[in-house]
mmCIF file of all heavy atoms, coordinates in Angstrom:
data_MODEL
# 
_entry.id   MODEL 
# 
loop_
_atom_site.group_PDB 
_atom_site.id 
_atom_site.type_symbol 
_atom_site.label_atom_id 
_atom_site.label_alt_id 
_atom_site.label_comp_id 
_atom_site.label_asym_id 
_atom_site.label_entity_id 
_atom_site.label_seq_id 
_atom_site.pdbx_PDB_ins_code 
_atom_site.Cartn_x 
_atom_site.Cartn_y 
_atom_site.Cartn_z 
_atom_site.occupancy 
_atom_site.B_iso_or_equiv 
_atom_site.pdbx_formal_charge 
_atom_site.auth_seq_id 
_atom_site.auth_comp_id 
_atom_site.auth_asym_id 
_atom_site.auth_atom_id 
_atom_site.pdbx_PDB_model_num 
ATOM 1   N N   . PHE A 1 1  ? -29.149 98.018  30.291 1.00 0.00 ? 1  PHE A N   1 
ATOM 2   C CA  . PHE A 1 1  ? -29.146 97.069  29.176 1.00 0.00 ? 1  PHE A CA  1 
ATOM 3   C C   . PHE A 1 1  ? -28.168 95.926  29.468 1.00 0.00 ? 1  PHE A C   1 
ATOM 4   O O   . PHE A 1 1  ? -28.465 94.738  29.234 1.00 0.00 ? 1  PHE A O   1 
ATOM 5   C CB  . PHE A 1 1  ? -28.731 97.790  27.874 1.00 0.00 ? 1  PHE A CB  1 
ATOM 6   C CG  . PHE A 1 1  ? -29.148 97.062  26.622 1.00 0.00 ? 1  PHE A CG  1 
ATOM 7   C CD1 . PHE A 1 1  ? -30.314 97.402  25.958 1.00 0.00 ? 1  PHE A CD1 1 
ATOM 8   C CD2 . PHE A 1 1  ? -28.353 96.037  26.097 1.00 0.00 ? 1  PHE A CD2 1 
ATOM 9   C CE1 . PHE A 1 1  ? -30.693 96.725  24.804 1.00 0.00 ? 1  PHE A CE1 1 
ATOM 10  C CE2 . PHE A 1 1  ? -28.732 95.386  24.948 1.00 0.00 ? 1  PHE A CE2 1 
ATOM 11  C CZ  . PHE A 1 1  ? -29.901 95.717  24.297 1.00 0.00 ? 1  PHE A CZ  1 
ATOM 12  N N   . SER A 1 2  ? -27.021 96.268  30.031 1.00 0.00 ? 2  SER A N   1 
ATOM 13  C CA  . SER A 1 2  ? -26.039 95.275  30.416 1.00 0.00 ? 2  SER A CA  1 
ATOM 14  C C   . SER A 1 2  ? -26.594 94.307  31.463 1.00 0.00 ? 2  SER A C   1 
ATOM 15  O O   . SER A 1 2  ? -26.403 93.089  31.405 1.00 0.00 ? 2  SER A O   1 
ATOM 16  C CB  . SER A 1 2  ? -24.798 95.992  30.956 1.00 0.00 ? 2  SER A CB  1 
ATOM 17  O OG  . SER A 1 2  ? -24.045 95.159  31.789 1.00 0.00 ? 2  SER A OG  1 
ATOM 18  N N   . LYS A 1 3  ? -27.292 94.843  32.443 1.00 0.00 ? 3  LYS A N   1 
ATOM 19  C CA  . LYS A 1 3  ? -27.847 94.029  33.513 1.00 0.00 ? 3  LYS A CA  1 
ATOM 20  C C   . LYS A 1 3  ? -28.919 93.078  33.008 1.00 0.00 ? 3  LYS A C   1 
ATOM 21  O O   . LYS A 1 3  ? -29.012 91.926  33.434 1.00 0.00 ? 3  LYS A O   1 
ATOM 22  C CB  . LYS A 1 3  ? -28.413 94.921  34.615 1.00 0.00 ? 3  LYS A CB  1 
ATOM 23  C CG  . LYS A 1 3  ? -28.890 94.151  35.841 1.00 0.00 ? 3  LYS A CG  1 
ATOM 24  C CD  . LYS A 1 3  ? -29.305 95.112  36.959 1.00 0.00 ? 3  LYS A CD  1 
ATOM 25  C CE  . LYS A 1 3  ? -29.719 94.347  38.211 1.00 0.00 ? 3  LYS A CE  1 
ATOM 26  N NZ  . LYS A 1 3  ? -30.093 95.263  39.310 1.00 0.00 ? 3  LYS A NZ  1 
ATOM 27  N N   . LYS A 1 4  ? -29.731 93.533  32.050 1.00 0.00 ? 4  LYS A N   1 
ATOM 28  C CA  . LYS A 1 4  ? -30.838 92.716  31.549 1.00 0.00 ? 4  LYS A CA  1 
ATOM 29  C C   . LYS A 1 4  ? -30.397 91.684  30.513 1.00 0.00 ? 4  LYS A C   1 
ATOM 30  O O   . LYS A 1 4  ? -30.921 90.578  30.482 1.00 0.00 ? 4  LYS A O   1 
ATOM 31  C CB  . LYS A 1 4  ? -31.921 93.614  30.952 1.00 0.00 ? 4  LYS A CB  1 
ATOM 32  C CG  . LYS A 1 4  ? -32.674 94.458  31.976 1.00 0.00 ? 4  LYS A CG  1 
ATOM 33  C CD  . LYS A 1 4  ? -33.916 95.082  31.368 1.00 0.00 ? 4  LYS A CD  1 
ATOM 34  C CE  . LYS A 1 4  ? -34.991 94.048  31.067 1.00 0.00 ? 4  LYS A CE  1 
ATOM 35  N NZ  . LYS A 1 4  ? -36.251 94.674  30.632 1.00 0.00 ? 4  LYS A NZ  1 
ATOM 36  N N   . TYR A 1 5  ? -29.425 92.059  29.679 1.00 0.00 ? 5  TYR A N   1 
ATOM 37  C CA  . TYR A 1 5  ? -29.123 91.207  28.517 1.00 0.00 ? 5  TYR A CA  1 
ATOM 38  C C   . TYR A 1 5  ? -27.694 90.714  28.439 1.00 0.00 ? 5  TYR A C   1 
ATOM 39  O O   . TYR A 1 5  ? -27.377 89.872  27.580 1.00 0.00 ? 5  TYR A O   1 
ATOM 40  C CB  . TYR A 1 5  ? -29.479 91.967  27.226 1.00 0.00 ? 5  TYR A CB  1 
ATOM 41  C CG  . TYR A 1 5  ? -30.919 92.406  27.197 1.00 0.00 ? 5  TYR A CG  1 
ATOM 42  C CD1 . TYR A 1 5  ? -31.270 93.737  27.331 1.00 0.00 ? 5  TYR A CD1 1 
ATOM 43  C CD2 . TYR A 1 5  ? -31.934 91.464  27.068 1.00 0.00 ? 5  TYR A CD2 1 
ATOM 44  C CE1 . TYR A 1 5  ? -32.606 94.140  27.322 1.00 0.00 ? 5  TYR A CE1 1 
ATOM 45  C CE2 . TYR A 1 5  ? -33.264 91.848  27.062 1.00 0.00 ? 5  TYR A CE2 1 
ATOM 46  C CZ  . TYR A 1 5  ? -33.594 93.198  27.179 1.00 0.00 ? 5  TYR A CZ  1 
ATOM 47  O OH  . TYR A 1 5  ? -34.923 93.580  27.177 1.00 0.00 ? 5  TYR A OH  1 
ATOM 48  N N   . HIS A 1 6  ? -26.825 91.211  29.322 1.00 0.00 ? 6  HIS A N   1 
ATOM 49  C CA  . HIS A 1 6  ? -25.423 90.749  29.389 1.00 0.00 ? 6  HIS A CA  1 
ATOM 50  C C   . HIS A 1 6  ? -24.722 90.847  28.039 1.00 0.00 ? 6  HIS A C   1 
ATOM 51  O O   . HIS A 1 6  ? -23.901 89.987  27.693 1.00 0.00 ? 6  HIS A O   1 
ATOM 52  C CB  . HIS A 1 6  ? -25.359 89.321  29.935 1.00 0.00 ? 6  HIS A CB  1 
ATOM 53  C CG  . HIS A 1 6  ? -26.024 89.176  31.277 1.00 0.00 ? 6  HIS A CG  1 
ATOM 54  N ND1 . HIS A 1 6  ? -25.425 89.545  32.455 1.00 0.00 ? 6  HIS A ND1 1 
ATOM 55  C CD2 . HIS A 1 6  ? -27.278 88.724  31.608 1.00 0.00 ? 6  HIS A CD2 1 
ATOM 56  C CE1 . HIS A 1 6  ? -26.246 89.327  33.475 1.00 0.00 ? 6  HIS A CE1 1 
ATOM 57  N NE2 . HIS A 1 6  ? -27.380 88.843  32.985 1.00 0.00 ? 6  HIS A NE2 1 
ATOM 58  N N   . THR A 1 7  ? -25.026 91.852  27.279 1.00 0.00 ? 7  THR A N   1 
ATOM 59  C CA  . THR A 1 7  ? -24.444 92.053  25.962 1.00 0.00 ? 7  THR A CA  1 
ATOM 60  C C   . THR A 1 7  ? -22.988 92.497  26.104 1.00 0.00 ? 7  THR A C   1 
ATOM 61  O O   . THR A 1 7  ? -22.697 93.427  26.853 1.00 0.00 ? 7  THR A O   1 
ATOM 62  C CB  . THR A 1 7  ? -25.217 93.124  25.187 1.00 0.00 ? 7  THR A CB  1 
ATOM 63  O OG1 . THR A 1 7  ? -26.612 92.817  25.233 1.00 0.00 ? 7  THR A OG1 1 
ATOM 64  C CG2 . THR A 1 7  ? -24.738 93.205  23.733 1.00 0.00 ? 7  THR A CG2 1 
ATOM 65  N N   . PRO A 1 8  ? -22.042 91.875  25.397 1.00 0.00 ? 8  PRO A N   1 
ATOM 66  C CA  . PRO A 1 8  ? -20.650 92.308  25.461 1.00 0.00 ? 8  PRO A CA  1 
ATOM 67  C C   . PRO A 1 8  ? -20.499 93.779  25.068 1.00 0.00 ? 8  PRO A C   1 
ATOM 68  O O   . PRO A 1 8  ? -21.159 94.262  24.139 1.00 0.00 ? 8  PRO A O   1 
ATOM 69  C CB  . PRO A 1 8  ? -19.956 91.391  24.460 1.00 0.00 ? 8  PRO A CB  1 
ATOM 70  C CG  . PRO A 1 8  ? -20.800 90.163  24.418 1.00 0.00 ? 8  PRO A CG  1 
ATOM 71  C CD  . PRO A 1 8  ? -22.206 90.651  24.588 1.00 0.00 ? 8  PRO A CD  1 
ATOM 72  N N   . ILE A 1 9  ? -19.628 94.474  25.791 1.00 0.00 ? 9  ILE A N   1 
ATOM 73  C CA  . ILE A 1 9  ? -19.426 95.910  25.593 1.00 0.00 ? 9  ILE A CA  1 
ATOM 74  C C   . ILE A 1 9  ? -17.962 96.170  25.225 1.00 0.00 ? 9  ILE A C   1 
ATOM 75  O O   . ILE A 1 9  ? -17.049 95.618  25.854 1.00 0.00 ? 9  ILE A O   1 
ATOM 76  C CB  . ILE A 1 9  ? -19.811 96.690  26.852 1.00 0.00 ? 9  ILE A CB  1 
ATOM 77  C CG1 . ILE A 1 9  ? -21.302 96.525  27.143 1.00 0.00 ? 9  ILE A CG1 1 
ATOM 78  C CG2 . ILE A 1 9  ? -19.441 98.165  26.708 1.00 0.00 ? 9  ILE A CG2 1 
ATOM 79  C CD1 . ILE A 1 9  ? -21.724 97.016  28.501 1.00 0.00 ? 9  ILE A CD1 1 
ATOM 80  N N   . TYR A 1 10 ? -17.764 97.027  24.229 1.00 0.00 ? 10 TYR A N   1 
ATOM 81  C CA  . TYR A 1 10 ? -16.431 97.410  23.775 1.00 0.00 ? 10 TYR A CA  1 
ATOM 82  C C   . TYR A 1 10 ? -16.337 98.927  23.834 1.00 0.00 ? 10 TYR A C   1 
ATOM 83  O O   . TYR A 1 10 ? -17.223 99.645  23.333 1.00 0.00 ? 10 TYR A O   1 
ATOM 84  C CB  . TYR A 1 10 ? -16.173 96.940  22.337 1.00 0.00 ? 10 TYR A CB  1 
ATOM 85  C CG  . TYR A 1 10 ? -16.156 95.441  22.168 1.00 0.00 ? 10 TYR A CG  1 
ATOM 86  C CD1 . TYR A 1 10 ? -17.351 94.734  22.071 1.00 0.00 ? 10 TYR A CD1 1 
ATOM 87  C CD2 . TYR A 1 10 ? -14.957 94.744  22.102 1.00 0.00 ? 10 TYR A CD2 1 
ATOM 88  C CE1 . TYR A 1 10 ? -17.334 93.362  21.911 1.00 0.00 ? 10 TYR A CE1 1 
ATOM 89  C CE2 . TYR A 1 10 ? -14.933 93.357  21.942 1.00 0.00 ? 10 TYR A CE2 1 
ATOM 90  C CZ  . TYR A 1 10 ? -16.131 92.678  21.846 1.00 0.00 ? 10 TYR A CZ  1 
ATOM 91  O OH  . TYR A 1 10 ? -16.110 91.322  21.674 1.00 0.00 ? 10 TYR A OH  1 
ATOM 92  N N   . ALA A 1 11 ? -15.262 99.456  24.414 1.00 0.00 ? 11 ALA A N   1 
ATOM 93  C CA  . ALA A 1 11 ? -15.057 100.885 24.485 1.00 0.00 ? 11 ALA A CA  1 
ATOM 94  C C   . ALA A 1 11 ? -13.626 101.139 24.942 1.00 0.00 ? 11 ALA A C   1 
ATOM 95  O O   . ALA A 1 11 ? -12.953 100.255 25.478 1.00 0.00 ? 11 ALA A O   1 
ATOM 96  C CB  . ALA A 1 11 ? -16.035 101.530 25.455 1.00 0.00 ? 11 ALA A CB  1 
ATOM 97  N N   . THR A 1 12 ? -13.166 102.370 24.763 1.00 0.00 ? 12 THR A N   1 
ATOM 98  C CA  . THR A 1 12 ? -11.847 102.727 25.260 1.00 0.00 ? 12 THR A CA  1 
ATOM 99  C C   . THR A 1 12 ? -11.884 102.766 26.792 1.00 0.00 ? 12 THR A C   1 
ATOM 100 O O   . THR A 1 12 ? -12.937 102.907 27.421 1.00 0.00 ? 12 THR A O   1 
ATOM 101 C CB  . THR A 1 12 ? -11.393 104.102 24.722 1.00 0.00 ? 12 THR A CB  1 
ATOM 102 O OG1 . THR A 1 12 ? -12.324 105.098 25.178 1.00 0.00 ? 12 THR A OG1 1 
ATOM 103 C CG2 . THR A 1 12 ? -11.335 104.087 23.200 1.00 0.00 ? 12 THR A CG2 1 
ATOM 104 N N   . SER A 1 13 ? -10.694 102.669 27.395 1.00 0.00 ? 13 SER A N   1 
ATOM 105 C CA  . SER A 1 13 ? -10.611 102.676 28.851 1.00 0.00 ? 13 SER A CA  1 
ATOM 106 C C   . SER A 1 13 ? -11.198 103.965 29.446 1.00 0.00 ? 13 SER A C   1 
ATOM 107 O O   . SER A 1 13 ? -11.869 103.936 30.478 1.00 0.00 ? 13 SER A O   1 
ATOM 108 C CB  . SER A 1 13 ? -9.146  102.527 29.289 1.00 0.00 ? 13 SER A CB  1 
ATOM 109 O OG  . SER A 1 13 ? -8.633  101.275 28.888 1.00 0.00 ? 13 SER A OG  1 
ATOM 110 N N   . ALA A 1 14 ? -10.968 105.105 28.780 1.00 0.00 ? 14 ALA A N   1 
ATOM 111 C CA  . ALA A 1 14 ? -11.484 106.361 29.271 1.00 0.00 ? 14 ALA A CA  1 
ATOM 112 C C   . ALA A 1 14 ? -13.009 106.383 29.238 1.00 0.00 ? 14 ALA A C   1 
ATOM 113 O O   . ALA A 1 14 ? -13.650 106.963 30.107 1.00 0.00 ? 14 ALA A O   1 
ATOM 114 C CB  . ALA A 1 14 ? -10.935 107.523 28.428 1.00 0.00 ? 14 ALA A CB  1 
ATOM 115 N N   . THR A 1 15 ? -13.596 105.747 28.230 1.00 0.00 ? 15 THR A N   1 
ATOM 116 C CA  . THR A 1 15 ? -15.057 105.681 28.148 1.00 0.00 ? 15 THR A CA  1 
ATOM 117 C C   . THR A 1 15 ? -15.631 104.753 29.215 1.00 0.00 ? 15 THR A C   1 
ATOM 118 O O   . THR A 1 15 ? -16.691 105.012 29.791 1.00 0.00 ? 15 THR A O   1 
ATOM 119 C CB  . THR A 1 15 ? -15.492 105.220 26.751 1.00 0.00 ? 15 THR A CB  1 
ATOM 120 O OG1 . THR A 1 15 ? -15.033 106.170 25.780 1.00 0.00 ? 15 THR A OG1 1 
ATOM 121 C CG2 . THR A 1 15 ? -16.995 105.070 26.642 1.00 0.00 ? 15 THR A CG2 1 
ATOM 122 N N   . LEU A 1 16 ? -14.926 103.671 29.486 1.00 0.00 ? 16 LEU A N   1 
ATOM 123 C CA  . LEU A 1 16 ? -15.408 102.698 30.468 1.00 0.00 ? 16 LEU A CA  1 
ATOM 124 C C   . LEU A 1 16 ? -15.239 103.178 31.903 1.00 0.00 ? 16 LEU A C   1 
ATOM 125 O O   . LEU A 1 16 ? -15.929 102.679 32.808 1.00 0.00 ? 16 LEU A O   1 
ATOM 126 C CB  . LEU A 1 16 ? -14.650 101.379 30.297 1.00 0.00 ? 16 LEU A CB  1 
ATOM 127 C CG  . LEU A 1 16 ? -14.942 100.587 29.016 1.00 0.00 ? 16 LEU A CG  1 
ATOM 128 C CD1 . LEU A 1 16 ? -13.936 99.452  28.856 1.00 0.00 ? 16 LEU A CD1 1 
ATOM 129 C CD2 . LEU A 1 16 ? -16.361 100.055 29.010 1.00 0.00 ? 16 LEU A CD2 1 
ATOM 130 N N   . ALA A 1 17 ? -14.365 104.154 32.122 1.00 0.00 ? 17 ALA A N   1 
ATOM 131 C CA  . ALA A 1 17 ? -14.009 104.565 33.501 1.00 0.00 ? 17 ALA A CA  1 
ATOM 132 C C   . ALA A 1 17 ? -15.221 104.883 34.375 1.00 0.00 ? 17 ALA A C   1 
ATOM 133 O O   . ALA A 1 17 ? -15.282 104.435 35.531 1.00 0.00 ? 17 ALA A O   1 
ATOM 134 C CB  . ALA A 1 17 ? -13.048 105.744 33.460 1.00 0.00 ? 17 ALA A CB  1 
ATOM 135 N N   . PRO A 1 18 ? -16.230 105.642 33.902 1.00 0.00 ? 18 PRO A N   1 
ATOM 136 C CA  . PRO A 1 18 ? -17.376 105.945 34.779 1.00 0.00 ? 18 PRO A CA  1 
ATOM 137 C C   . PRO A 1 18 ? -18.437 104.848 34.816 1.00 0.00 ? 18 PRO A C   1 
ATOM 138 O O   . PRO A 1 18 ? -19.428 104.963 35.540 1.00 0.00 ? 18 PRO A O   1 
ATOM 139 C CB  . PRO A 1 18 ? -17.954 107.218 34.143 1.00 0.00 ? 18 PRO A CB  1 
ATOM 140 C CG  . PRO A 1 18 ? -17.627 107.089 32.700 1.00 0.00 ? 18 PRO A CG  1 
ATOM 141 C CD  . PRO A 1 18 ? -16.297 106.372 32.633 1.00 0.00 ? 18 PRO A CD  1 
ATOM 142 N N   . LEU A 1 19 ? -18.239 103.769 34.051 1.00 0.00 ? 19 LEU A N   1 
ATOM 143 C CA  . LEU A 1 19 ? -19.275 102.730 33.949 1.00 0.00 ? 19 LEU A CA  1 
ATOM 144 C C   . LEU A 1 19 ? -18.939 101.562 34.874 1.00 0.00 ? 19 LEU A C   1 
ATOM 145 O O   . LEU A 1 19 ? -18.550 100.477 34.454 1.00 0.00 ? 19 LEU A O   1 
ATOM 146 C CB  . LEU A 1 19 ? -19.371 102.249 32.494 1.00 0.00 ? 19 LEU A CB  1 
ATOM 147 C CG  . LEU A 1 19 ? -19.955 103.251 31.496 1.00 0.00 ? 19 LEU A CG  1 
ATOM 148 C CD1 . LEU A 1 19 ? -19.806 102.753 30.084 1.00 0.00 ? 19 LEU A CD1 1 
ATOM 149 C CD2 . LEU A 1 19 ? -21.424 103.509 31.808 1.00 0.00 ? 19 LEU A CD2 1 
ATOM 150 N N   . ASP A 1 20 ? -19.115 101.787 36.160 1.00 0.00 ? 20 ASP A N   1 
ATOM 151 C CA  . ASP A 1 20 ? -18.930 100.692 37.100 1.00 0.00 ? 20 ASP A CA  1 
ATOM 152 C C   . ASP A 1 20 ? -20.181 99.805  37.126 1.00 0.00 ? 20 ASP A C   1 
ATOM 153 O O   . ASP A 1 20 ? -21.215 100.150 36.572 1.00 0.00 ? 20 ASP A O   1 
ATOM 154 C CB  . ASP A 1 20 ? -18.630 101.235 38.508 1.00 0.00 ? 20 ASP A CB  1 
ATOM 155 C CG  . ASP A 1 20 ? -19.687 102.212 38.986 1.00 0.00 ? 20 ASP A CG  1 
ATOM 156 O OD1 . ASP A 1 20 ? -20.589 102.558 38.187 1.00 0.00 ? 20 ASP A OD1 1 
ATOM 157 O OD2 . ASP A 1 20 ? -19.610 102.630 40.144 1.00 0.00 ? 20 ASP A OD2 1 
ATOM 158 N N   . GLU A 1 21 ? -20.089 98.647  37.726 1.00 0.00 ? 21 GLU A N   1 
ATOM 159 C CA  . GLU A 1 21 ? -21.209 97.738  37.915 1.00 0.00 ? 21 GLU A CA  1 
ATOM 160 C C   . GLU A 1 21 ? -21.839 97.302  36.599 1.00 0.00 ? 21 GLU A C   1 
ATOM 161 O O   . GLU A 1 21 ? -23.054 97.169  36.486 1.00 0.00 ? 21 GLU A O   1 
ATOM 162 C CB  . GLU A 1 21 ? -22.283 98.354  38.818 1.00 0.00 ? 21 GLU A CB  1 
ATOM 163 C CG  . GLU A 1 21 ? -21.780 98.696  40.213 1.00 0.00 ? 21 GLU A CG  1 
ATOM 164 C CD  . GLU A 1 21 ? -22.859 99.304  41.087 1.00 0.00 ? 21 GLU A CD  1 
ATOM 165 O OE1 . GLU A 1 21 ? -24.010 99.365  40.649 1.00 0.00 ? 21 GLU A OE1 1 
ATOM 166 O OE2 . GLU A 1 21 ? -22.528 99.718  42.205 1.00 0.00 ? 21 GLU A OE2 1 
ATOM 167 N N   . LEU A 1 22 ? -21.018 97.051  35.593 1.00 0.00 ? 22 LEU A N   1 
ATOM 168 C CA  . LEU A 1 22 ? -21.528 96.451  34.374 1.00 0.00 ? 22 LEU A CA  1 
ATOM 169 C C   . LEU A 1 22 ? -21.646 94.941  34.539 1.00 0.00 ? 22 LEU A C   1 
ATOM 170 O O   . LEU A 1 22 ? -20.806 94.313  35.188 1.00 0.00 ? 22 LEU A O   1 
ATOM 171 C CB  . LEU A 1 22 ? -20.610 96.780  33.192 1.00 0.00 ? 22 LEU A CB  1 
ATOM 172 C CG  . LEU A 1 22 ? -20.611 98.250  32.749 1.00 0.00 ? 22 LEU A CG  1 
ATOM 173 C CD1 . LEU A 1 22 ? -19.544 98.487  31.700 1.00 0.00 ? 22 LEU A CD1 1 
ATOM 174 C CD2 . LEU A 1 22 ? -21.971 98.654  32.209 1.00 0.00 ? 22 LEU A CD2 1 
ATOM 175 N N   . TYR A 1 23 ? -22.703 94.381  33.969 1.00 0.00 ? 23 TYR A N   1 
ATOM 176 C CA  . TYR A 1 23 ? -22.979 92.955  34.128 1.00 0.00 ? 23 TYR A CA  1 
ATOM 177 C C   . TYR A 1 23 ? -22.617 92.167  32.876 1.00 0.00 ? 23 TYR A C   1 
ATOM 178 O O   . TYR A 1 23 ? -22.915 90.982  32.773 1.00 0.00 ? 23 TYR A O   1 
ATOM 179 C CB  . TYR A 1 23 ? -24.456 92.746  34.465 1.00 0.00 ? 23 TYR A CB  1 
ATOM 180 C CG  . TYR A 1 23 ? -24.856 93.358  35.783 1.00 0.00 ? 23 TYR A CG  1 
ATOM 181 C CD1 . TYR A 1 23 ? -25.164 94.720  35.870 1.00 0.00 ? 23 TYR A CD1 1 
ATOM 182 C CD2 . TYR A 1 23 ? -24.931 92.596  36.938 1.00 0.00 ? 23 TYR A CD2 1 
ATOM 183 C CE1 . TYR A 1 23 ? -25.527 95.296  37.092 1.00 0.00 ? 23 TYR A CE1 1 
ATOM 184 C CE2 . TYR A 1 23 ? -25.288 93.160  38.152 1.00 0.00 ? 23 TYR A CE2 1 
ATOM 185 C CZ  . TYR A 1 23 ? -25.588 94.509  38.225 1.00 0.00 ? 23 TYR A CZ  1 
ATOM 186 O OH  . TYR A 1 23 ? -25.943 95.064  39.440 1.00 0.00 ? 23 TYR A OH  1 
ATOM 187 N N   . SER A 1 24 ? -21.963 92.799  31.950 1.00 0.00 ? 24 SER A N   1 
ATOM 188 C CA  . SER A 1 24 ? -21.622 92.190  30.683 1.00 0.00 ? 24 SER A CA  1 
ATOM 189 C C   . SER A 1 24 ? -20.119 91.922  30.608 1.00 0.00 ? 24 SER A C   1 
ATOM 190 O O   . SER A 1 24 ? -19.336 92.546  31.340 1.00 0.00 ? 24 SER A O   1 
ATOM 191 C CB  . SER A 1 24 ? -21.985 93.131  29.515 1.00 0.00 ? 24 SER A CB  1 
ATOM 192 O OG  . SER A 1 24 ? -23.349 93.405  29.475 1.00 0.00 ? 24 SER A OG  1 
ATOM 193 N N   . PRO A 1 25 ? -19.710 91.047  29.691 1.00 0.00 ? 25 PRO A N   1 
ATOM 194 C CA  . PRO A 1 25 ? -18.278 90.983  29.385 1.00 0.00 ? 25 PRO A CA  1 
ATOM 195 C C   . PRO A 1 25 ? -17.850 92.321  28.795 1.00 0.00 ? 25 PRO A C   1 
ATOM 196 O O   . PRO A 1 25 ? -18.508 92.881  27.923 1.00 0.00 ? 25 PRO A O   1 
ATOM 197 C CB  . PRO A 1 25 ? -18.204 89.882  28.325 1.00 0.00 ? 25 PRO A CB  1 
ATOM 198 C CG  . PRO A 1 25 ? -19.479 89.098  28.463 1.00 0.00 ? 25 PRO A CG  1 
ATOM 199 C CD  . PRO A 1 25 ? -20.508 90.070  28.942 1.00 0.00 ? 25 PRO A CD  1 
ATOM 200 N N   . VAL A 1 26 ? -16.755 92.873  29.300 1.00 0.00 ? 26 VAL A N   1 
ATOM 201 C CA  . VAL A 1 26 ? -16.285 94.210  28.891 1.00 0.00 ? 26 VAL A CA  1 
ATOM 202 C C   . VAL A 1 26 ? -14.892 94.083  28.299 1.00 0.00 ? 26 VAL A C   1 
ATOM 203 O O   . VAL A 1 26 ? -14.017 93.441  28.900 1.00 0.00 ? 26 VAL A O   1 
ATOM 204 C CB  . VAL A 1 26 ? -16.291 95.178  30.083 1.00 0.00 ? 26 VAL A CB  1 
ATOM 205 C CG1 . VAL A 1 26 ? -15.675 96.522  29.683 1.00 0.00 ? 26 VAL A CG1 1 
ATOM 206 C CG2 . VAL A 1 26 ? -17.691 95.376  30.620 1.00 0.00 ? 26 VAL A CG2 1 
ATOM 207 N N   . THR A 1 27 ? -14.683 94.702  27.158 1.00 0.00 ? 27 THR A N   1 
ATOM 208 C CA  . THR A 1 27 ? -13.384 94.727  26.503 1.00 0.00 ? 27 THR A CA  1 
ATOM 209 C C   . THR A 1 27 ? -12.952 96.152  26.306 1.00 0.00 ? 27 THR A C   1 
ATOM 210 O O   . THR A 1 27 ? -13.641 96.933  25.639 1.00 0.00 ? 27 THR A O   1 
ATOM 211 C CB  . THR A 1 27 ? -13.421 94.000  25.154 1.00 0.00 ? 27 THR A CB  1 
ATOM 212 O OG1 . THR A 1 27 ? -13.852 92.644  25.355 1.00 0.00 ? 27 THR A OG1 1 
ATOM 213 C CG2 . THR A 1 27 ? -12.041 93.992  24.502 1.00 0.00 ? 27 THR A CG2 1 
# 
């Protein structure tokens, strides 16, 4: 979804840890 739509993503650092190669702005 990030790769297709570049939707900003919000999550805790621990949640984001396994999500490499995101194409969206990440907070």
